[in-house]
PDB file of N, CA and C in Angstrom:
ATOM      1  N   ILE A   1      51.640 112.921 -28.474  1.00  0.00           N
ATOM      2  CA  ILE A   1      53.241 113.277 -28.860  1.00  0.00           C
ATOM      3  C   ILE A   1      54.183 112.012 -28.530  1.00  0.00           C
ATOM      4  N   TYR A   2      54.899 111.478 -29.140  1.00  0.00           N
ATOM      5  CA  TYR A   2      55.690 110.351 -28.979  1.00  0.00           C
ATOM      6  C   TYR A   2      57.065 111.521 -28.955  1.00  0.00           C
ATOM      7  N   THR A   3      57.924 111.212 -27.978  1.00  0.00           N
ATOM      8  CA  THR A   3      59.430 112.511 -28.315  1.00  0.00           C
ATOM      9  C   THR A   3      60.308 111.566 -27.892  1.00  0.00           C
ATOM     10  N   ASP A   4      61.502 112.518 -28.478  1.00  0.00           N
ATOM     11  CA  ASP A   4      63.187 111.847 -27.795  1.00  0.00           C
ATOM     12  C   ASP A   4      63.013 112.097 -26.320  1.00  0.00           C
ATOM     13  N   PRO A   5      63.371 111.097 -25.770  1.00  0.00           N
ATOM     14  CA  PRO A   5      63.338 111.378 -24.302  1.00  0.00           C
ATOM     15  C   PRO A   5      64.233 112.623 -23.973  1.00  0.00           C
ATOM     16  N   ARG A   6      65.112 113.111 -24.334  1.00  0.00           N
ATOM     17  CA  ARG A   6      66.064 114.150 -24.072  1.00  0.00           C
ATOM     18  C   ARG A   6      65.267 115.648 -24.372  1.00  0.00           C
ATOM     19  N   GLU A   7      64.026 115.558 -25.027  1.00  0.00           N
ATOM     20  CA  GLU A   7      63.431 116.522 -25.274  1.00  0.00           C
ATOM     21  C   GLU A   7      61.855 116.800 -24.784  1.00  0.00           C
ATOM     22  N   SER A   8      61.523 115.593 -24.046  1.00  0.00           N
ATOM     23  CA  SER A   8      60.184 115.886 -23.787  1.00  0.00           C
ATOM     24  C   SER A   8      59.523 116.413 -22.725  1.00  0.00           C
ATOM     25  N   GLU A   9      60.528 116.961 -21.832  1.00  0.00           N
ATOM     26  CA  GLU A   9      60.312 117.838 -20.998  1.00  0.00           C
ATOM     27  C   GLU A   9      60.313 119.707 -21.569  1.00  0.00           C
ATOM     28  N   ASN A  10      61.051 119.712 -22.699  1.00  0.00           N
ATOM     29  CA  ASN A  10      61.040 121.153 -23.367  1.00  0.00           C
ATOM     30  C   ASN A  10      59.905 121.024 -24.132  1.00  0.00           C
ATOM     31  N   ILE A  11      59.517 120.105 -24.975  1.00  0.00           N
ATOM     32  CA  ILE A  11      58.538 119.830 -25.348  1.00  0.00           C
ATOM     33  C   ILE A  11      57.234 120.266 -24.792  1.00  0.00           C
ATOM     34  N   ALA A  12      56.828 119.547 -23.691  1.00  0.00           N
ATOM     35  CA  ALA A  12      56.191 119.719 -22.627  1.00  0.00           C
ATOM     36  C   ALA A  12      55.874 121.081 -22.163  1.00  0.00           C
ATOM     37  N   GLU A  13      56.954 122.135 -21.639  1.00  0.00           N
ATOM     38  CA  GLU A  13      56.946 123.375 -21.280  1.00  0.00           C
ATOM     39  C   GLU A  13      56.331 124.129 -22.648  1.00  0.00           C
ATOM     40  N   LYS A  14      57.070 123.968 -23.849  1.00  0.00           N
ATOM     41  CA  LYS A  14      56.648 125.051 -24.955  1.00  0.00           C
ATOM     42  C   LYS A  14      55.070 124.547 -25.131  1.00  0.00           C
ATOM     43  N   LEU A  15      54.604 123.430 -25.247  1.00  0.00           N
ATOM     44  CA  LEU A  15      53.195 123.400 -25.326  1.00  0.00           C
ATOM     45  C   LEU A  15      52.217 124.361 -24.378  1.00  0.00           C
ATOM     46  N   CYS A  16      52.873 124.335 -22.788  1.00  0.00           N
ATOM     47  CA  CYS A  16      52.005 124.875 -22.016  1.00  0.00           C
ATOM     48  C   CYS A  16      51.759 126.368 -22.502  1.00  0.00           C
ATOM     49  N   SER A  17      52.778 127.061 -23.276  1.00  0.00           N
ATOM     50  CA  SER A  17      52.417 128.437 -23.526  1.00  0.00           C
ATOM     51  C   SER A  17      51.483 128.796 -24.928  1.00  0.00           C
ATOM     52  N   ILE A  18      51.227 127.748 -25.323  1.00  0.00           N
ATOM     53  CA  ILE A  18      50.023 127.759 -26.561  1.00  0.00           C
ATOM     54  C   ILE A  18      48.587 127.811 -26.064  1.00  0.00           C
ATOM     55  N   PRO A  19      47.610 128.804 -26.229  1.00  0.00           N
ATOM     56  CA  PRO A  19      46.559 128.981 -25.673  1.00  0.00           C
ATOM     57  C   PRO A  19      45.470 128.020 -26.204  1.00  0.00           C
ATOM     58  N   GLN A  20      45.542 127.159 -27.284  1.00  0.00           N
ATOM     59  CA  GLN A  20      44.662 126.090 -27.710  1.00  0.00           C
ATOM     60  C   GLN A  20      44.807 125.061 -26.822  1.00  0.00           C
ATOM     61  N   ILE A  21      45.866 125.005 -25.927  1.00  0.00           N
ATOM     62  CA  ILE A  21      46.286 123.580 -25.331  1.00  0.00           C
ATOM     63  C   ILE A  21      46.039 123.873 -23.767  1.00  0.00           C
ATOM     64  N   LEU A  22      44.938 122.917 -23.695  1.00  0.00           N
ATOM     65  CA  LEU A  22      44.041 123.140 -22.198  1.00  0.00           C
ATOM     66  C   LEU A  22      45.019 122.797 -21.053  1.00  0.00           C
ATOM     67  N   GLU A  23      45.607 121.359 -21.248  1.00  0.00           N
ATOM     68  CA  GLU A  23      46.623 120.606 -20.126  1.00  0.00           C
ATOM     69  C   GLU A  23      47.526 119.782 -20.926  1.00  0.00           C
ATOM     70  N   VAL A  24      48.476 119.870 -20.082  1.00  0.00           N
ATOM     71  CA  VAL A  24      49.697 119.182 -20.770  1.00  0.00           C
ATOM     72  C   VAL A  24      50.505 118.082 -19.888  1.00  0.00           C
ATOM     73  N   TYR A  25      50.684 116.803 -20.081  1.00  0.00           N
ATOM     74  CA  TYR A  25      51.049 115.872 -19.115  1.00  0.00           C
ATOM     75  C   TYR A  25      52.249 115.132 -19.764  1.00  0.00           C
ATOM     76  N   THR A  26      53.154 114.402 -18.960  1.00  0.00           N
ATOM     77  CA  THR A  26      54.091 113.548 -19.647  1.00  0.00           C
ATOM     78  C   THR A  26      53.523 112.041 -19.291  1.00  0.00           C
ATOM     79  N   SER A  27      54.084 111.137 -19.730  1.00  0.00           N
ATOM     80  CA  SER A  27      53.712 110.006 -19.370  1.00  0.00           C
ATOM     81  C   SER A  27      55.192 108.829 -19.926  1.00  0.00           C
ATOM     82  N   LEU A  28      55.225 108.092 -19.017  1.00  0.00           N
ATOM     83  CA  LEU A  28      56.316 107.101 -19.276  1.00  0.00           C
ATOM     84  C   LEU A  28      55.757 105.688 -19.558  1.00  0.00           C
ATOM     85  N   SER A  29      56.130 105.158 -20.649  1.00  0.00           N
ATOM     86  CA  SER A  29      55.359 103.871 -21.121  1.00  0.00           C
ATOM     87  C   SER A  29      56.494 103.173 -21.957  1.00  0.00           C
ATOM     88  N   GLU A  30      56.149 102.303 -22.824  1.00  0.00           N
ATOM     89  CA  GLU A  30      57.368 102.027 -23.288  1.00  0.00           C
ATOM     90  C   GLU A  30      57.985 103.195 -24.361  1.00  0.00           C
ATOM     91  N   GLU A  31      57.304 104.459 -24.728  1.00  0.00           N
ATOM     92  CA  GLU A  31      57.871 105.549 -25.393  1.00  0.00           C
ATOM     93  C   GLU A  31      57.785 106.404 -24.279  1.00  0.00           C
ATOM     94  N   ILE A  32      58.346 107.690 -24.378  1.00  0.00           N
ATOM     95  CA  ILE A  32      58.021 108.918 -23.715  1.00  0.00           C
ATOM     96  C   ILE A  32      56.928 109.698 -24.368  1.00  0.00           C
ATOM     97  N   GLN A  33      55.860 109.836 -23.751  1.00  0.00           N
ATOM     98  CA  GLN A  33      54.672 110.412 -24.645  1.00  0.00           C
ATOM     99  C   GLN A  33      54.252 112.007 -23.555  1.00  0.00           C
ATOM    100  N   VAL A  34      54.087 112.847 -24.363  1.00  0.00           N
ATOM    101  CA  VAL A  34      53.370 113.959 -23.965  1.00  0.00           C
ATOM    102  C   VAL A  34      52.271 114.299 -24.380  1.00  0.00           C
ATOM    103  N   ILE A  35      51.367 114.343 -23.718  1.00  0.00           N
ATOM    104  CA  ILE A  35      49.775 114.330 -23.514  1.00  0.00           C
ATOM    105  C   ILE A  35      49.182 115.736 -23.513  1.00  0.00           C
ATOM    106  N   ALA A  36      48.547 116.090 -24.757  1.00  0.00           N
ATOM    107  CA  ALA A  36      47.926 117.072 -24.733  1.00  0.00           C
ATOM    108  C   ALA A  36      46.462 117.710 -24.833  1.00  0.00           C
ATOM    109  N   LYS A  37      45.865 118.226 -24.209  1.00  0.00           N
ATOM    110  CA  LYS A  37      44.357 118.006 -24.585  1.00  0.00           C
ATOM    111  C   LYS A  37      44.520 119.788 -25.142  1.00  0.00           C
ATOM    112  N   VAL A  38      43.889 119.551 -26.409  1.00  0.00           N
ATOM    113  CA  VAL A  38      43.963 120.729 -27.744  1.00  0.00           C
ATOM    114  C   VAL A  38      42.126 121.075 -27.692  1.00  0.00           C
ATOM    115  N   VAL A  39      41.974 122.168 -27.991  1.00  0.00           N
ATOM    116  CA  VAL A  39      40.477 122.860 -28.661  1.00  0.00           C
ATOM    117  C   VAL A  39      40.847 123.287 -29.918  1.00  0.00           C
ATOM    118  N   ALA A  40      40.103 122.557 -30.708  1.00  0.00           N
ATOM    119  CA  ALA A  40      39.896 123.155 -32.306  1.00  0.00           C
ATOM    120  C   ALA A  40      38.723 123.391 -32.657  1.00  0.00           C
ATOM    121  N   GLU A  41      38.101 124.300 -33.418  1.00  0.00           N
ATOM    122  CA  GLU A  41      37.041 124.318 -34.088  1.00  0.00           C
ATOM    123  C   GLU A  41      36.272 123.017 -34.884  1.00  0.00           C
ATOM    124  N   ASN A  42      37.228 122.685 -35.512  1.00  0.00           N
ATOM    125  CA  ASN A  42      37.015 121.340 -36.621  1.00  0.00           C
ATOM    126  C   ASN A  42      38.610 120.710 -36.914  1.00  0.00           C
ATOM    127  N   GLN A  43      38.097 119.705 -37.396  1.00  0.00           N
ATOM    128  CA  GLN A  43      39.358 118.768 -38.126  1.00  0.00           C
ATOM    129  C   GLN A  43      40.319 119.565 -38.851  1.00  0.00           C
ATOM    130  N   GLU A  44      39.743 120.416 -39.834  1.00  0.00           N
ATOM    131  CA  GLU A  44      40.811 121.234 -40.267  1.00  0.00           C
ATOM    132  C   GLU A  44      41.743 122.000 -39.810  1.00  0.00           C
ATOM    133  N   SER A  45      41.116 122.779 -38.713  1.00  0.00           N
ATOM    134  CA  SER A  45      41.780 123.505 -37.710  1.00  0.00           C
ATOM    135  C   SER A  45      42.919 122.931 -36.905  1.00  0.00           C
ATOM    136  N   LEU A  46      42.349 121.767 -36.687  1.00  0.00           N
ATOM    137  CA  LEU A  46      43.081 120.849 -35.783  1.00  0.00           C
ATOM    138  C   LEU A  46      44.676 120.328 -36.497  1.00  0.00           C
ATOM    139  N   HIS A  47      44.300 120.138 -37.875  1.00  0.00           N
ATOM    140  CA  HIS A  47      45.498 119.325 -38.692  1.00  0.00           C
ATOM    141  C   HIS A  47      46.167 120.832 -38.784  1.00  0.00           C
ATOM    142  N   GLU A  48      45.559 121.958 -38.804  1.00  0.00           N
ATOM    143  CA  GLU A  48      46.588 123.227 -39.249  1.00  0.00           C
ATOM    144  C   GLU A  48      47.826 123.411 -38.002  1.00  0.00           C
ATOM    145  N   PHE A  49      47.017 123.121 -36.762  1.00  0.00           N
ATOM    146  CA  PHE A  49      47.293 123.440 -35.403  1.00  0.00           C
ATOM    147  C   PHE A  49      48.573 122.404 -35.394  1.00  0.00           C
ATOM    148  N   ILE A  50      48.469 121.533 -35.685  1.00  0.00           N
ATOM    149  CA  ILE A  50      49.377 120.333 -35.307  1.00  0.00           C
ATOM    150  C   ILE A  50      50.546 120.149 -36.319  1.00  0.00           C
ATOM    151  N   ALA A  51      50.012 120.551 -37.544  1.00  0.00           N
ATOM    152  CA  ALA A  51      51.189 120.682 -38.792  1.00  0.00           C
ATOM    153  C   ALA A  51      52.151 121.942 -38.187  1.00  0.00           C
ATOM    154  N   THR A  52      51.551 123.028 -37.683  1.00  0.00           N
ATOM    155  CA  THR A  52      52.629 124.286 -37.991  1.00  0.00           C
ATOM    156  C   THR A  52      53.126 124.574 -36.145  1.00  0.00           C
ATOM    157  N   LYS A  53      52.248 123.986 -35.015  1.00  0.00           N
ATOM    158  CA  LYS A  53      52.818 124.229 -33.742  1.00  0.00           C
ATOM    159  C   LYS A  53      53.306 123.143 -32.877  1.00  0.00           C
ATOM    160  N   VAL A  54      52.970 121.958 -33.420  1.00  0.00           N
ATOM    161  CA  VAL A  54      53.431 120.668 -32.975  1.00  0.00           C
ATOM    162  C   VAL A  54      54.334 119.786 -33.501  1.00  0.00           C
ATOM    163  N   ALA A  55      54.128 119.691 -34.736  1.00  0.00           N
ATOM    164  CA  ALA A  55      55.146 118.918 -35.440  1.00  0.00           C
ATOM    165  C   ALA A  55      56.223 119.567 -35.672  1.00  0.00           C
ATOM    166  N   PRO A  56      56.513 120.670 -35.649  1.00  0.00           N
ATOM    167  CA  PRO A  56      58.063 121.248 -36.009  1.00  0.00           C
ATOM    168  C   PRO A  56      58.896 121.502 -34.469  1.00  0.00           C
ATOM    169  N   LEU A  57      58.452 121.379 -33.377  1.00  0.00           N
ATOM    170  CA  LEU A  57      59.281 121.260 -32.432  1.00  0.00           C
ATOM    171  C   LEU A  57      60.187 120.140 -32.279  1.00  0.00           C
ATOM    172  N   PRO A  58      61.246 120.693 -31.979  1.00  0.00           N
ATOM    173  CA  PRO A  58      62.561 119.468 -31.666  1.00  0.00           C
ATOM    174  C   PRO A  58      62.498 118.386 -31.082  1.00  0.00           C
ATOM    175  N   GLY A  59      62.477 117.326 -31.280  1.00  0.00           N
ATOM    176  CA  GLY A  59      62.456 116.329 -30.497  1.00  0.00           C
ATOM    177  C   GLY A  59      61.069 115.229 -30.644  1.00  0.00           C
ATOM    178  N   VAL A  60      60.008 116.078 -31.583  1.00  0.00           N
ATOM    179  CA  VAL A  60      58.903 115.510 -31.672  1.00  0.00           C
ATOM    180  C   VAL A  60      59.060 114.276 -32.554  1.00  0.00           C
ATOM    181  N   LEU A  61      58.584 113.082 -32.474  1.00  0.00           N
ATOM    182  CA  LEU A  61      59.433 111.635 -33.306  1.00  0.00           C
ATOM    183  C   LEU A  61      57.661 111.278 -33.893  1.00  0.00           C
ATOM    184  N   ARG A  62      56.457 111.231 -33.370  1.00  0.00           N
ATOM    185  CA  ARG A  62      55.308 111.263 -33.990  1.00  0.00           C
ATOM    186  C   ARG A  62      54.114 111.279 -33.089  1.00  0.00           C
ATOM    187  N   ILE A  63      52.876 111.785 -33.695  1.00  0.00           N
ATOM    188  CA  ILE A  63      51.669 112.242 -33.061  1.00  0.00           C
ATOM    189  C   ILE A  63      50.875 111.166 -33.400  1.00  0.00           C
ATOM    190  N   ARG A  64      50.010 110.725 -32.531  1.00  0.00           N
ATOM    191  CA  ARG A  64      48.780 110.512 -32.526  1.00  0.00           C
ATOM    192  C   ARG A  64      47.550 111.224 -31.784  1.00  0.00           C
ATOM    193  N   THR A  65      46.612 111.080 -32.781  1.00  0.00           N
ATOM    194  CA  THR A  65      45.624 112.191 -32.204  1.00  0.00           C
ATOM    195  C   THR A  65      44.207 111.294 -31.704  1.00  0.00           C
ATOM    196  N   SER A  66      43.388 111.817 -30.989  1.00  0.00           N
ATOM    197  CA  SER A  66      42.429 111.073 -30.513  1.00  0.00           C
ATOM    198  C   SER A  66      41.121 112.194 -30.357  1.00  0.00           C
ATOM    199  N   ILE A  67      40.125 112.233 -31.214  1.00  0.00           N
ATOM    200  CA  ILE A  67      39.100 113.151 -30.777  1.00  0.00           C
ATOM    201  C   ILE A  67      37.694 112.628 -30.059  1.00  0.00           C
ATOM    202  N   VAL A  68      37.332 113.501 -29.471  1.00  0.00           N
ATOM    203  CA  VAL A  68      36.386 113.349 -28.475  1.00  0.00           C
ATOM    204  C   VAL A  68      35.272 113.545 -29.542  1.00  0.00           C
ATOM    205  N   THR A  69      34.288 112.706 -29.562  1.00  0.00           N
ATOM    206  CA  THR A  69      33.021 112.785 -30.209  1.00  0.00           C
ATOM    207  C   THR A  69      31.689 112.870 -29.116  1.00  0.00           C
ATOM    208  N   LYS A  70      31.985 112.566 -28.218  1.00  0.00           N
ATOM    209  CA  LYS A  70      30.843 112.684 -27.239  1.00  0.00           C
ATOM    210  C   LYS A  70      31.237 112.720 -25.918  1.00  0.00           C
ATOM    211  N   LYS A  71      30.978 114.009 -25.165  1.00  0.00           N
ATOM    212  CA  LYS A  71      31.295 113.613 -23.435  1.00  0.00           C
ATOM    213  C   LYS A  71      30.130 113.691 -22.644  1.00  0.00           C
ATOM    214  N   PHE A  72      30.710 112.606 -21.496  1.00  0.00           N
ATOM    215  CA  PHE A  72      29.749 111.985 -20.792  1.00  0.00           C
ATOM    216  C   PHE A  72      29.735 112.842 -19.386  1.00  0.00           C
ATOM    217  N   LYS A  73      31.339 113.165 -18.750  1.00  0.00           N
ATOM    218  CA  LYS A  73      31.526 113.799 -17.705  1.00  0.00           C
ATOM    219  C   LYS A  73      32.688 114.701 -17.768  1.00  0.00           C
ATOM    220  N   GLU A  74      32.708 115.940 -17.775  1.00  0.00           N
ATOM    221  CA  GLU A  74      33.892 116.533 -17.367  1.00  0.00           C
ATOM    222  C   GLU A  74      34.220 117.150 -15.962  1.00  0.00           C
ATOM    223  N   THR A  75      34.763 116.995 -15.161  1.00  0.00           N
ATOM    224  CA  THR A  75      34.882 117.605 -13.895  1.00  0.00           C
ATOM    225  C   THR A  75      36.031 118.157 -13.648  1.00  0.00           C
ATOM    226  N   GLN A  76      35.812 119.005 -13.059  1.00  0.00           N
ATOM    227  CA  GLN A  76      36.939 120.485 -12.989  1.00  0.00           C
ATOM    228  C   GLN A  76      37.140 120.007 -11.079  1.00  0.00           C
ATOM    229  N   PRO A  77      38.474 120.013 -10.561  1.00  0.00           N
ATOM    230  CA  PRO A  77      38.695 119.789  -9.290  1.00  0.00           C
ATOM    231  C   PRO A  77      38.726 121.010  -8.765  1.00  0.00           C
ATOM    232  N   LEU A  78      38.174 120.853  -7.545  1.00  0.00           N
ATOM    233  CA  LEU A  78      38.287 121.777  -6.476  1.00  0.00           C
ATOM    234  C   LEU A  78      39.464 122.189  -5.612  1.00  0.00           C
ATOM    235  N   ILE A  79      40.061 123.425  -5.890  1.00  0.00           N
ATOM    236  CA  ILE A  79      41.452 123.311  -5.353  1.00  0.00           C
ATOM    237  C   ILE A  79      41.271 123.728  -3.983  1.00  0.00           C
ATOM    238  N   VAL A  80      41.554 123.596  -3.092  1.00  0.00           N
ATOM    239  CA  VAL A  80      41.605 123.864  -1.793  1.00  0.00           C
ATOM    240  C   VAL A  80      43.184 124.417  -0.814  1.00  0.00           C
ATOM    241  N   ASN A  81      43.327 125.725  -0.547  1.00  0.00           N
ATOM    242  CA  ASN A  81      44.398 126.083  -0.343  1.00  0.00           C
ATOM    243  C   ASN A  81      44.725 125.210   1.129  1.00  0.00           C
ATOM    244  N   ASP A  82      43.921 125.415   2.264  1.00  0.00           N
ATOM    245  CA  ASP A  82      43.573 124.827   3.252  1.00  0.00           C
ATOM    246  C   ASP A  82      43.474 123.795   3.780  1.00  0.00           C
ATOM    247  N   PRO A  83      44.748 122.787   3.984  1.00  0.00           N
ATOM    248  CA  PRO A  83      44.267 121.479   4.048  1.00  0.00           C
ATOM    249  C   PRO A  83      43.208 120.890   5.138  1.00  0.00           C
ATOM    250  N   LYS A  84      42.942 122.021   5.990  1.00  0.00           N
ATOM    251  CA  LYS A  84      41.957 121.745   7.414  1.00  0.00           C
ATOM    252  C   LYS A  84      40.585 121.485   6.586  1.00  0.00           C
ATOM    253  N   LYS A  85      40.485 122.300   5.420  1.00  0.00           N
ATOM    254  CA  LYS A  85      38.953 122.081   4.709  1.00  0.00           C
ATOM    255  C   LYS A  85      38.849 120.640   4.231  1.00  0.00           C
ATOM    256  N   LEU A  86      39.721 120.023   3.900  1.00  0.00           N
ATOM    257  CA  LEU A  86      39.634 118.811   3.432  1.00  0.00           C
ATOM    258  C   LEU A  86      39.224 117.477   4.176  1.00  0.00           C
ATOM    259  N   THR A  87      39.255 117.943   5.637  1.00  0.00           N
ATOM    260  CA  THR A  87      39.414 116.465   6.725  1.00  0.00           C
ATOM    261  C   THR A  87      37.852 116.938   6.983  1.00  0.00           C
ATOM    262  N   LEU A  88      37.102 115.889   7.483  1.00  0.00           N
ATOM    263  CA  LEU A  88      35.643 115.526   7.590  1.00  0.00           C
ATOM    264  C   LEU A  88      36.114 116.415   9.586  1.00  0.00           C
ATOM    265  N   LYS A  89      35.185 117.121   9.863  1.00  0.00           N
ATOM    266  CA  LYS A  89      34.932 117.361  11.295  1.00  0.00           C
ATOM    267  C   LYS A  89      34.163 116.138  11.874  1.00  0.00           C
ATOM    268  N   THR A  90      34.653 115.084  12.791  1.00  0.00           N
ATOM    269  CA  THR A  90      34.063 114.377  13.890  1.00  0.00           C
ATOM    270  C   THR A  90      33.772 114.912  15.049  1.00  0.00           C
ATOM    271  N   THR A  91      32.674 114.300  15.801  1.00  0.00           N
ATOM    272  CA  THR A  91      32.783 114.686  17.343  1.00  0.00           C
ATOM    273  C   THR A  91      33.725 114.884  18.152  1.00  0.00           C
ATOM    274  N   GLU A  92      34.538 113.975  17.799  1.00  0.00           N
ATOM    275  CA  GLU A  92      35.751 113.894  18.679  1.00  0.00           C
ATOM    276  C   GLU A  92      36.993 115.000  18.615  1.00  0.00           C
ATOM    277  N   ASN A  93      36.876 115.116  16.931  1.00  0.00           N
ATOM    278  CA  ASN A  93      37.957 116.353  16.235  1.00  0.00           C
ATOM    279  C   ASN A  93      37.487 117.528  17.048  1.00  0.00           C
ATOM    280  N   ARG A  94      35.749 117.881  17.170  1.00  0.00           N
ATOM    281  CA  ARG A  94      35.627 119.257  17.503  1.00  0.00           C
ATOM    282  C   ARG A  94      36.142 119.265  19.152  1.00  0.00           C
ATOM    283  N   LEU A  95      35.870 118.388  19.941  1.00  0.00           N
ATOM    284  CA  LEU A  95      35.896 118.133  21.496  1.00  0.00           C
ATOM    285  C   LEU A  95      36.915 118.304  21.681  1.00  0.00           C
ATOM    286  N   ASP A  96      38.312 117.616  20.816  1.00  0.00           N
ATOM    287  CA  ASP A  96      39.397 118.054  21.010  1.00  0.00           C
ATOM    288  C   ASP A  96      39.887 119.369  20.912  1.00  0.00           C
ATOM    289  N   GLU A  97      39.480 120.188  19.594  1.00  0.00           N
ATOM    290  CA  GLU A  97      39.776 121.426  19.516  1.00  0.00           C
ATOM    291  C   GLU A  97      39.220 122.276  20.676  1.00  0.00           C
ATOM    292  N   GLU A  98      37.935 122.043  20.913  1.00  0.00           N
ATOM    293  CA  GLU A  98      37.820 122.738  22.019  1.00  0.00           C
ATOM    294  C   GLU A  98      38.481 122.706  23.452  1.00  0.00           C
ATOM    295  N   LYS A  99      38.776 121.520  23.696  1.00  0.00           N
ATOM    296  CA  LYS A  99      39.611 121.129  24.620  1.00  0.00           C
ATOM    297  C   LYS A  99      41.246 122.001  24.704  1.00  0.00           C
ATOM    298  N   ASP A 100      41.710 122.032  23.546  1.00  0.00           N
ATOM    299  CA  ASP A 100      42.996 122.799  23.172  1.00  0.00           C
ATOM    300  C   ASP A 100      42.692 124.232  23.376  1.00  0.00           C
ATOM    301  N   ARG A 101      41.521 124.624  23.148  1.00  0.00           N
ATOM    302  CA  ARG A 101      41.376 126.303  22.675  1.00  0.00           C
ATOM    303  C   ARG A 101      41.268 126.755  24.638  1.00  0.00           C
ATOM    304  N   ASN A 102      40.365 125.948  25.263  1.00  0.00           N
ATOM    305  CA  ASN A 102      40.368 125.924  26.782  1.00  0.00           C
ATOM    306  C   ASN A 102      41.684 126.173  27.322  1.00  0.00           C
ATOM    307  N   GLU A 103      42.477 125.112  27.005  1.00  0.00           N
ATOM    308  CA  GLU A 103      43.884 124.834  27.889  1.00  0.00           C
ATOM    309  C   GLU A 103      44.652 126.140  27.364  1.00  0.00           C
ATOM    310  N   ARG A 104      44.693 126.778  26.146  1.00  0.00           N
ATOM    311  CA  ARG A 104      45.421 127.399  25.934  1.00  0.00           C
ATOM    312  C   ARG A 104      44.971 129.562  26.584  1.00  0.00           C
ATOM    313  N   ARG A 105      43.662 129.115  27.019  1.00  0.00           N
ATOM    314  CA  ARG A 105      42.873 130.452  27.949  1.00  0.00           C
ATOM    315  C   ARG A 105      43.503 130.592  29.094  1.00  0.00           C
ATOM    316  N   ASP A 106      43.664 129.392  29.630  1.00  0.00           N
ATOM    317  CA  ASP A 106      44.234 128.967  31.012  1.00  0.00           C
ATOM    318  C   ASP A 106      45.639 129.521  31.328  1.00  0.00           C
TER     319      ASP A 106
END
């Protein structure tokens, strides 16, 4: 979705509230774009969705669509709230942790 630069954030926020839109991103290239991943039953419903929900938004200059015809891979990221779980435990790390625990006991 090519947008007026003054409206791109507003457009992105409005798109986030629409259930058919799974993901929303902004991109700075030659022109400011809002990229949205949309699910639709068929091309007709996609056309209707764009015409009624996206095109009328203030600041939308033009819309370009890409339709996925075959999916090879889709990955859902694993979200971990504890950064310690993201680090690999080496033997040295474990020995340092044991030493720290023992020092705190003394």
